Amino acid sequence: MFSSTSGYERFMGRWSRRLAVAFAEFAGIRDGDRVLDVGCGTGALCAAVLARYSRVSVTGIDPTESFIESCRKEFPASRFAVGAAERLPFGNREFDASLASLVLAFVAKPSAAVAEMSRVTVAGGTVAATVWDHSQGKTMLSQFWEEADRVDASLKPGEAQPNMSRDVIAALWHEADLKDVAVEPLMVEMTFSSFDDYWSPFLAGQGPAGAYVAAASENNRTAIMRSLRDRYLGVGPDRPFVIRSQASAIRGTVPG
């Protein structure tokens, strides 16, 4: 589901990069911090952090080798490694802040990932994450699955994501004994120049939604495309339109 750097960038990468700017501000990083980017993907959060702080150092880790290679080329002064969030290959108290953007829903054991982020972060440092808020159709992806389910009622691999509500992620932070836990909504707005600008990235097969579209029958794929076009454009001509997606961001402090 996550292998093509260019396909991911066209699909979720542009959302990730826009969300990363707001998330970097929310996390409260200080210039000069050693920052760990867990599940760095194609470098959206790394780019936001490096653009905002001149003296910060960033280390990224991701299980997808092609994403890591892309990050190494884009950010040659930073450090990147292939690895899993649940088993971070770093020593205790190695970073001032450990961040995870749009990652926890894809981790088999989110509690283990949060515990590892806490382990590698200094006392008084920050552990923070952001996840899409899929409740009540508040994201582009939840809206896609609603229309897909209207067309095809079958069980779809990858559609069901772990419950990452505000209460659930707050519980993860408290379970890890993090202090001063704060949760806030972050809203991202994306303008699409046309319906094809929105739809064509699904065809690259990236992420659960893209994988489903790529594997769907031609009839179902066409019906879903038309259903989504009606949702966003109605019966009018093709034109630019805006979609808003809401995420929840959480941060906490590693105790001394």
C-alpha atoms as a PDB file:
ATOM      1  CA  MET A   1       0.000   0.000   0.000  1.00  0.00           C
ATOM      2  CA  PHE A   2       2.968   2.335   0.556  1.00  0.00           C
ATOM      3  CA  SER A   3       5.740   1.863  -1.986  1.00  0.00           C
ATOM      4  CA  SER A   4       5.583   4.560  -4.668  1.00  0.00           C
ATOM      5  CA  THR A   5       7.106   7.857  -3.592  1.00  0.00           C
ATOM      6  CA  SER A   6       5.551   9.831  -6.454  1.00  0.00           C
ATOM      7  CA  GLY A   7       2.196   8.082  -6.057  1.00  0.00           C
ATOM      8  CA  TYR A   8       2.095   8.787  -2.331  1.00  0.00           C
ATOM      9  CA  GLU A   9       3.071  12.421  -2.838  1.00  0.00           C
ATOM     10  CA  ARG A  10       0.206  12.991  -5.291  1.00  0.00           C
ATOM     11  CA  PHE A  11      -2.297  11.190  -3.063  1.00  0.00           C
ATOM     12  CA  MET A  12      -1.662  11.812   0.659  1.00  0.00           C
ATOM     13  CA  GLY A  13       1.675  13.590   0.495  1.00  0.00           C
ATOM     14  CA  ARG A  14       0.147  16.958  -0.308  1.00  0.00           C
ATOM     15  CA  TRP A  15      -2.198  16.568   2.666  1.00  0.00           C
ATOM     16  CA  SER A  16       0.675  15.433   4.898  1.00  0.00           C
ATOM     17  CA  ARG A  17       2.833  18.413   3.987  1.00  0.00           C
ATOM     18  CA  ARG A  18       0.062  20.894   4.712  1.00  0.00           C
ATOM     19  CA  LEU A  19      -0.834  19.233   8.019  1.00  0.00           C
ATOM     20  CA  ALA A  20       2.846  19.026   9.022  1.00  0.00           C
ATOM     21  CA  VAL A  21       3.171  22.810   9.162  1.00  0.00           C
ATOM     22  CA  ALA A  22       0.380  23.113  11.735  1.00  0.00           C
ATOM     23  CA  PHE A  23       1.580  20.037  13.627  1.00  0.00           C
ATOM     24  CA  ALA A  24       5.168  21.317  13.907  1.00  0.00           C
ATOM     25  CA  GLU A  25       3.842  24.503  15.514  1.00  0.00           C
ATOM     26  CA  PHE A  26       1.547  22.545  17.844  1.00  0.00           C
ATOM     27  CA  ALA A  27       4.385  20.267  19.000  1.00  0.00           C
ATOM     28  CA  GLY A  28       6.257  23.239  20.447  1.00  0.00           C
ATOM     29  CA  ILE A  29       9.703  22.298  19.197  1.00  0.00           C
ATOM     30  CA  ARG A  30      12.553  24.557  20.275  1.00  0.00           C
ATOM     31  CA  ASP A  31      15.307  25.627  17.901  1.00  0.00           C
ATOM     32  CA  GLY A  32      18.328  23.432  18.485  1.00  0.00           C
ATOM     33  CA  ASP A  33      16.245  20.380  19.482  1.00  0.00           C
ATOM     34  CA  ARG A  34      17.113  16.876  18.335  1.00  0.00           C
ATOM     35  CA  VAL A  35      13.873  15.730  16.696  1.00  0.00           C
ATOM     36  CA  LEU A  36      12.851  12.175  15.823  1.00  0.00           C
ATOM     37  CA  ASP A  37      10.293  11.845  13.014  1.00  0.00           C
ATOM     38  CA  VAL A  38       8.612   8.447  13.479  1.00  0.00           C
ATOM     39  CA  GLY A  39       7.062   7.153  10.257  1.00  0.00           C
ATOM     40  CA  CYS A  40       8.681   9.962   8.293  1.00  0.00           C
ATOM     41  CA  GLY A  41       7.216   8.837   4.962  1.00  0.00           C
ATOM     42  CA  THR A  42       8.383  11.067   2.133  1.00  0.00           C
ATOM     43  CA  GLY A  43       9.555  13.813   4.503  1.00  0.00           C
ATOM     44  CA  ALA A  44       6.547  16.077   5.019  1.00  0.00           C
ATOM     45  CA  LEU A  45       7.190  16.692   8.719  1.00  0.00           C
ATOM     46  CA  CYS A  46      10.937  16.836   8.256  1.00  0.00           C
ATOM     47  CA  ALA A  47      10.488  19.600   5.671  1.00  0.00           C
ATOM     48  CA  ALA A  48       8.159  21.565   7.950  1.00  0.00           C
ATOM     49  CA  VAL A  49      10.497  21.320  10.939  1.00  0.00           C
ATOM     50  CA  LEU A  50      13.636  22.257   8.998  1.00  0.00           C
ATOM     51  CA  ALA A  51      11.864  25.197   7.356  1.00  0.00           C
ATOM     52  CA  ARG A  52      10.725  26.533  10.724  1.00  0.00           C
ATOM     53  CA  TYR A  53      13.907  26.036  12.791  1.00  0.00           C
ATOM     54  CA  SER A  54      17.432  26.812  11.595  1.00  0.00           C
ATOM     55  CA  ARG A  55      19.400  24.847  14.210  1.00  0.00           C
ATOM     56  CA  VAL A  56      17.240  21.781  14.728  1.00  0.00           C
ATOM     57  CA  SER A  57      18.513  18.317  13.773  1.00  0.00           C
ATOM     58  CA  VAL A  58      16.092  15.715  12.423  1.00  0.00           C
ATOM     59  CA  THR A  59      16.293  11.928  12.384  1.00  0.00           C
ATOM     60  CA  GLY A  60      13.634  10.028  10.463  1.00  0.00           C
ATOM     61  CA  ILE A  61      12.572   6.393  10.532  1.00  0.00           C
ATOM     62  CA  ASP A  62      10.098   4.559   8.311  1.00  0.00           C
ATOM     63  CA  PRO A  63       9.506   0.908   7.313  1.00  0.00           C
ATOM     64  CA  THR A  64       9.343   1.759   3.581  1.00  0.00           C
ATOM     65  CA  GLU A  65      12.830   1.739   2.080  1.00  0.00           C
ATOM     66  CA  SER A  66      11.903   3.801  -0.983  1.00  0.00           C
ATOM     67  CA  PHE A  67      10.589   6.584   1.291  1.00  0.00           C
ATOM     68  CA  ILE A  68      13.831   6.568   3.281  1.00  0.00           C
ATOM     69  CA  GLU A  69      15.927   6.780   0.119  1.00  0.00           C
ATOM     70  CA  SER A  70      13.827   9.716  -1.076  1.00  0.00           C
ATOM     71  CA  CYS A  71      14.313  11.515   2.268  1.00  0.00           C
ATOM     72  CA  ARG A  72      18.062  10.956   2.183  1.00  0.00           C
ATOM     73  CA  LYS A  73      18.233  12.664  -1.193  1.00  0.00           C
ATOM     74  CA  GLU A  74      15.974  15.561  -0.197  1.00  0.00           C
ATOM     75  CA  PHE A  75      17.531  16.154   3.240  1.00  0.00           C
ATOM     76  CA  PRO A  76      21.209  15.148   3.004  1.00  0.00           C
ATOM     77  CA  ALA A  77      22.107  16.812   6.305  1.00  0.00           C
ATOM     78  CA  SER A  78      19.568  14.733   8.246  1.00  0.00           C
ATOM     79  CA  ARG A  79      19.745  11.096   9.345  1.00  0.00           C
ATOM     80  CA  PHE A  80      17.287   8.421   8.173  1.00  0.00           C
ATOM     81  CA  ALA A  81      16.854   4.724   8.889  1.00  0.00           C
ATOM     82  CA  VAL A  82      14.520   1.904   7.882  1.00  0.00           C
ATOM     83  CA  GLY A  83      12.674   0.593  10.917  1.00  0.00           C
ATOM     84  CA  ALA A  84       9.430   0.134  12.832  1.00  0.00           C
ATOM     85  CA  ALA A  85       7.802   2.522  15.317  1.00  0.00           C
ATOM     86  CA  GLU A  86       7.354  -0.295  17.844  1.00  0.00           C
ATOM     87  CA  ARG A  87      11.099  -1.080  17.874  1.00  0.00           C
ATOM     88  CA  LEU A  88      13.011   2.158  17.500  1.00  0.00           C
ATOM     89  CA  PRO A  89      16.739   1.488  16.888  1.00  0.00           C
ATOM     90  CA  PHE A  90      17.897   4.315  19.137  1.00  0.00           C
ATOM     91  CA  GLY A  91      19.241   4.627  22.646  1.00  0.00           C
ATOM     92  CA  ASN A  92      17.398   5.894  25.696  1.00  0.00           C
ATOM     93  CA  ARG A  93      16.962   9.678  25.970  1.00  0.00           C
ATOM     94  CA  GLU A  94      18.527  10.354  22.567  1.00  0.00           C
ATOM     95  CA  PHE A  95      16.062  13.019  21.372  1.00  0.00           C
ATOM     96  CA  ASP A  96      14.488  16.203  22.696  1.00  0.00           C
ATOM     97  CA  ALA A  97      11.224  15.548  20.841  1.00  0.00           C
ATOM     98  CA  SER A  98       9.706  12.483  19.192  1.00  0.00           C
ATOM     99  CA  LEU A  99       6.910  13.165  16.701  1.00  0.00           C
ATOM    100  CA  ALA A 100       4.631  10.963  14.611  1.00  0.00           C
ATOM    101  CA  SER A 101       2.441  12.467  11.905  1.00  0.00           C
ATOM    102  CA  LEU A 102      -0.400  10.335  10.462  1.00  0.00           C
ATOM    103  CA  VAL A 103       1.324   7.139  11.600  1.00  0.00           C
ATOM    104  CA  LEU A 104      -0.396   5.588  14.624  1.00  0.00           C
ATOM    105  CA  ALA A 105      -3.402   4.284  12.669  1.00  0.00           C
ATOM    106  CA  PHE A 106      -1.015   2.096  10.646  1.00  0.00           C
ATOM    107  CA  VAL A 107       0.989   0.753  13.579  1.00  0.00           C
ATOM    108  CA  ALA A 108       0.069  -2.740  14.802  1.00  0.00           C
ATOM    109  CA  LYS A 109       0.589  -1.774  18.455  1.00  0.00           C
ATOM    110  CA  PRO A 110       0.183   1.987  18.963  1.00  0.00           C
ATOM    111  CA  SER A 111       0.843   1.687  22.709  1.00  0.00           C
ATOM    112  CA  ALA A 112       4.230   0.109  21.974  1.00  0.00           C
ATOM    113  CA  ALA A 113       5.059   2.909  19.544  1.00  0.00           C
ATOM    114  CA  VAL A 114       4.195   5.609  22.100  1.00  0.00           C
ATOM    115  CA  ALA A 115       6.225   3.788  24.766  1.00  0.00           C
ATOM    116  CA  GLU A 116       9.213   3.647  22.412  1.00  0.00           C
ATOM    117  CA  MET A 117       8.887   7.334  21.546  1.00  0.00           C
ATOM    118  CA  SER A 118       8.856   8.111  25.253  1.00  0.00           C
ATOM    119  CA  ARG A 119      11.883   5.878  25.896  1.00  0.00           C
ATOM    120  CA  VAL A 120      14.093   7.634  23.345  1.00  0.00           C
ATOM    121  CA  THR A 121      13.059  11.153  24.484  1.00  0.00           C
ATOM    122  CA  VAL A 122      14.802  13.071  27.259  1.00  0.00           C
ATOM    123  CA  ALA A 123      13.075  13.867  30.543  1.00  0.00           C
ATOM    124  CA  GLY A 124      11.159  17.077  29.987  1.00  0.00           C
ATOM    125  CA  GLY A 125      11.054  16.411  26.240  1.00  0.00           C
ATOM    126  CA  THR A 126       7.979  16.188  24.029  1.00  0.00           C
ATOM    127  CA  VAL A 127       6.183  13.193  22.569  1.00  0.00           C
ATOM    128  CA  ALA A 128       3.558  14.288  20.039  1.00  0.00           C
ATOM    129  CA  ALA A 129       1.449  12.841  17.251  1.00  0.00           C
ATOM    130  CA  THR A 130      -1.356  13.701  14.906  1.00  0.00           C
ATOM    131  CA  VAL A 131      -4.010  11.413  13.387  1.00  0.00           C
ATOM    132  CA  TRP A 132      -6.936  12.007  11.068  1.00  0.00           C
ATOM    133  CA  ASP A 133     -10.270  12.402  12.843  1.00  0.00           C
ATOM    134  CA  HIS A 134     -12.550  10.138  10.784  1.00  0.00           C
ATOM    135  CA  SER A 135     -15.569  10.593  13.028  1.00  0.00           C
ATOM    136  CA  GLN A 136     -18.696  11.967  11.357  1.00  0.00           C
ATOM    137  CA  GLY A 137     -17.071  12.152   7.925  1.00  0.00           C
ATOM    138  CA  LYS A 138     -14.574  14.825   8.885  1.00  0.00           C
ATOM    139  CA  THR A 139     -11.818  13.825   6.445  1.00  0.00           C
ATOM    140  CA  MET A 140     -11.367  13.304   2.734  1.00  0.00           C
ATOM    141  CA  LEU A 141     -10.726   9.606   3.365  1.00  0.00           C
ATOM    142  CA  SER A 142     -13.851   9.044   5.455  1.00  0.00           C
ATOM    143  CA  GLN A 143     -15.867  10.774   2.729  1.00  0.00           C
ATOM    144  CA  PHE A 144     -14.310   8.484   0.124  1.00  0.00           C
ATOM    145  CA  TRP A 145     -15.218   5.333   2.101  1.00  0.00           C
ATOM    146  CA  GLU A 146     -18.794   6.559   2.573  1.00  0.00           C
ATOM    147  CA  GLU A 147     -19.268   6.796  -1.182  1.00  0.00           C
ATOM    148  CA  ALA A 148     -17.391   3.541  -1.819  1.00  0.00           C
ATOM    149  CA  ASP A 149     -19.707   1.744   0.606  1.00  0.00           C
ATOM    150  CA  ARG A 150     -22.775   3.117  -1.179  1.00  0.00           C
ATOM    151  CA  VAL A 151     -21.553   1.466  -4.370  1.00  0.00           C
ATOM    152  CA  ASP A 152     -19.966  -1.678  -2.919  1.00  0.00           C
ATOM    153  CA  ALA A 153     -21.210  -2.994   0.423  1.00  0.00           C
ATOM    154  CA  SER A 154     -18.547  -5.693   0.658  1.00  0.00           C
ATOM    155  CA  LEU A 155     -15.900  -5.701   3.384  1.00  0.00           C
ATOM    156  CA  LYS A 156     -12.904  -3.770   2.098  1.00  0.00           C
ATOM    157  CA  PRO A 157      -9.369  -4.571   3.307  1.00  0.00           C
ATOM    158  CA  GLY A 158      -7.876  -1.555   5.034  1.00  0.00           C
ATOM    159  CA  GLU A 159     -11.110   0.413   5.358  1.00  0.00           C
ATOM    160  CA  ALA A 160     -11.485  -0.229   9.069  1.00  0.00           C
ATOM    161  CA  GLN A 161      -8.821   1.812  10.845  1.00  0.00           C
ATOM    162  CA  PRO A 162      -8.094   1.606  14.577  1.00  0.00           C
ATOM    163  CA  ASN A 163     -10.231   3.974  16.603  1.00  0.00           C
ATOM    164  CA  MET A 164      -8.040   7.048  17.019  1.00  0.00           C
ATOM    165  CA  SER A 165     -10.511   9.394  18.686  1.00  0.00           C
ATOM    166  CA  ARG A 166      -9.376  12.110  21.057  1.00  0.00           C
ATOM    167  CA  ASP A 167     -10.120   9.899  24.056  1.00  0.00           C
ATOM    168  CA  VAL A 168      -8.219   6.922  22.606  1.00  0.00           C
ATOM    169  CA  ILE A 169      -5.038   8.816  21.824  1.00  0.00           C
ATOM    170  CA  ALA A 170      -5.204  10.620  25.179  1.00  0.00           C
ATOM    171  CA  ALA A 171      -5.413   7.210  26.871  1.00  0.00           C
ATOM    172  CA  LEU A 172      -2.274   6.096  25.017  1.00  0.00           C
ATOM    173  CA  TRP A 173      -0.371   9.130  26.283  1.00  0.00           C
ATOM    174  CA  HIS A 174      -1.549   8.605  29.859  1.00  0.00           C
ATOM    175  CA  GLU A 175      -0.725   4.881  29.644  1.00  0.00           C
ATOM    176  CA  ALA A 176       2.842   5.873  28.748  1.00  0.00           C
ATOM    177  CA  ASP A 177       2.911   8.081  31.900  1.00  0.00           C
ATOM    178  CA  LEU A 178       3.371  11.243  29.848  1.00  0.00           C
ATOM    179  CA  LYS A 179       2.517  14.486  31.634  1.00  0.00           C
ATOM    180  CA  ASP A 180       0.761  17.740  30.687  1.00  0.00           C
ATOM    181  CA  VAL A 181      -1.170  15.948  27.943  1.00  0.00           C
ATOM    182  CA  ALA A 182      -2.960  18.255  25.515  1.00  0.00           C
ATOM    183  CA  VAL A 183      -5.193  17.363  22.547  1.00  0.00           C
ATOM    184  CA  GLU A 184      -6.292  19.884  19.912  1.00  0.00           C
ATOM    185  CA  PRO A 185      -8.018  19.702  16.506  1.00  0.00           C
ATOM    186  CA  LEU A 186      -6.062  20.712  13.406  1.00  0.00           C
ATOM    187  CA  MET A 187      -7.948  21.576  10.208  1.00  0.00           C
ATOM    188  CA  VAL A 188      -6.406  21.212   6.747  1.00  0.00           C
ATOM    189  CA  GLU A 189      -7.968  22.699   3.614  1.00  0.00           C
ATOM    190  CA  MET A 190      -7.069  21.538   0.118  1.00  0.00           C
ATOM    191  CA  THR A 191      -8.140  23.138  -3.159  1.00  0.00           C
ATOM    192  CA  PHE A 192      -8.404  20.828  -6.165  1.00  0.00           C
ATOM    193  CA  SER A 193      -8.162  22.399  -9.607  1.00  0.00           C
ATOM    194  CA  SER A 194     -10.567  19.849 -11.103  1.00  0.00           C
ATOM    195  CA  PHE A 195     -12.206  16.554 -10.274  1.00  0.00           C
ATOM    196  CA  ASP A 196      -9.360  14.705 -12.018  1.00  0.00           C
ATOM    197  CA  ASP A 197      -6.884  16.503  -9.749  1.00  0.00           C
ATOM    198  CA  TYR A 198      -8.743  14.884  -6.840  1.00  0.00           C
ATOM    199  CA  TRP A 199      -9.501  11.468  -8.373  1.00  0.00           C
ATOM    200  CA  SER A 200      -6.441  10.464 -10.403  1.00  0.00           C
ATOM    201  CA  PRO A 201      -4.130  10.041  -7.344  1.00  0.00           C
ATOM    202  CA  PHE A 202      -6.412   7.246  -6.076  1.00  0.00           C
ATOM    203  CA  LEU A 203      -5.445   5.241  -9.166  1.00  0.00           C
ATOM    204  CA  ALA A 204      -1.800   4.980  -8.035  1.00  0.00           C
ATOM    205  CA  GLY A 205      -2.806   2.369  -5.451  1.00  0.00           C
ATOM    206  CA  GLN A 206      -1.271   4.054  -2.410  1.00  0.00           C
ATOM    207  CA  GLY A 207      -2.768   3.571   1.056  1.00  0.00           C
ATOM    208  CA  PRO A 208      -5.888   1.498   1.814  1.00  0.00           C
ATOM    209  CA  ALA A 209      -8.178   3.696  -0.298  1.00  0.00           C
ATOM    210  CA  GLY A 210      -5.840   3.721  -3.276  1.00  0.00           C
ATOM    211  CA  ALA A 211      -5.247  -0.031  -3.014  1.00  0.00           C
ATOM    212  CA  TYR A 212      -8.995  -0.625  -3.008  1.00  0.00           C
ATOM    213  CA  VAL A 213      -9.578   1.599  -6.057  1.00  0.00           C
ATOM    214  CA  ALA A 214      -6.747  -0.058  -7.980  1.00  0.00           C
ATOM    215  CA  ALA A 215      -8.172  -3.531  -7.277  1.00  0.00           C
ATOM    216  CA  ALA A 216     -11.882  -2.695  -7.753  1.00  0.00           C
ATOM    217  CA  SER A 217     -13.819  -3.831 -10.796  1.00  0.00           C
ATOM    218  CA  GLU A 218     -14.134  -1.335 -13.622  1.00  0.00           C
ATOM    219  CA  ASN A 219     -17.869  -1.000 -12.949  1.00  0.00           C
ATOM    220  CA  ASN A 220     -17.378  -0.299  -9.235  1.00  0.00           C
ATOM    221  CA  ARG A 221     -14.485   2.051  -9.863  1.00  0.00           C
ATOM    222  CA  THR A 222     -16.530   4.074 -12.364  1.00  0.00           C
ATOM    223  CA  ALA A 223     -19.578   4.140 -10.076  1.00  0.00           C
ATOM    224  CA  ILE A 224     -17.500   5.348  -7.112  1.00  0.00           C
ATOM    225  CA  MET A 225     -15.865   8.018  -9.253  1.00  0.00           C
ATOM    226  CA  ARG A 226     -19.277   9.302 -10.381  1.00  0.00           C
ATOM    227  CA  SER A 227     -20.644   9.189  -6.839  1.00  0.00           C
ATOM    228  CA  LEU A 228     -17.733  11.265  -5.558  1.00  0.00           C
ATOM    229  CA  ARG A 229     -18.027  13.716  -8.420  1.00  0.00           C
ATOM    230  CA  ASP A 230     -21.708  14.216  -7.594  1.00  0.00           C
ATOM    231  CA  ARG A 231     -20.788  14.718  -3.928  1.00  0.00           C
ATOM    232  CA  TYR A 232     -18.285  17.472  -4.614  1.00  0.00           C
ATOM    233  CA  LEU A 233     -19.544  19.057  -7.836  1.00  0.00           C
ATOM    234  CA  GLY A 234     -23.222  18.128  -8.105  1.00  0.00           C
ATOM    235  CA  VAL A 235     -24.615  18.269 -11.625  1.00  0.00           C
ATOM    236  CA  GLY A 236     -22.572  21.318 -12.611  1.00  0.00           C
ATOM    237  CA  PRO A 237     -19.488  21.514 -14.825  1.00  0.00           C
ATOM    238  CA  ASP A 238     -15.999  20.589 -13.686  1.00  0.00           C
ATOM    239  CA  ARG A 239     -14.416  23.344 -11.620  1.00  0.00           C
ATOM    240  CA  PRO A 240     -12.090  23.907  -8.661  1.00  0.00           C
ATOM    241  CA  PHE A 241     -13.419  22.795  -5.267  1.00  0.00           C
ATOM    242  CA  VAL A 242     -12.273  22.617  -1.663  1.00  0.00           C
ATOM    243  CA  ILE A 243     -12.159  19.706   0.781  1.00  0.00           C
ATOM    244  CA  ARG A 244     -11.466  20.120   4.491  1.00  0.00           C
ATOM    245  CA  SER A 245     -10.034  17.360   6.651  1.00  0.00           C
ATOM    246  CA  GLN A 246      -9.765  17.428  10.432  1.00  0.00           C
ATOM    247  CA  ALA A 247      -6.973  15.842  12.447  1.00  0.00           C
ATOM    248  CA  SER A 248      -6.415  15.489  16.175  1.00  0.00           C
ATOM    249  CA  ALA A 249      -3.000  16.454  17.542  1.00  0.00           C
ATOM    250  CA  ILE A 250      -1.684  15.336  20.934  1.00  0.00           C
ATOM    251  CA  ARG A 251       1.441  16.130  22.906  1.00  0.00           C
ATOM    252  CA  GLY A 252       2.815  15.214  26.287  1.00  0.00           C
ATOM    253  CA  THR A 253       5.967  15.652  28.361  1.00  0.00           C
ATOM    254  CA  VAL A 254       8.319  12.850  29.390  1.00  0.00           C
ATOM    255  CA  PRO A 255       8.541  12.841  33.202  1.00  0.00           C
ATOM    256  CA  GLY A 256      11.839  13.380  35.012  1.00  0.00           C
END
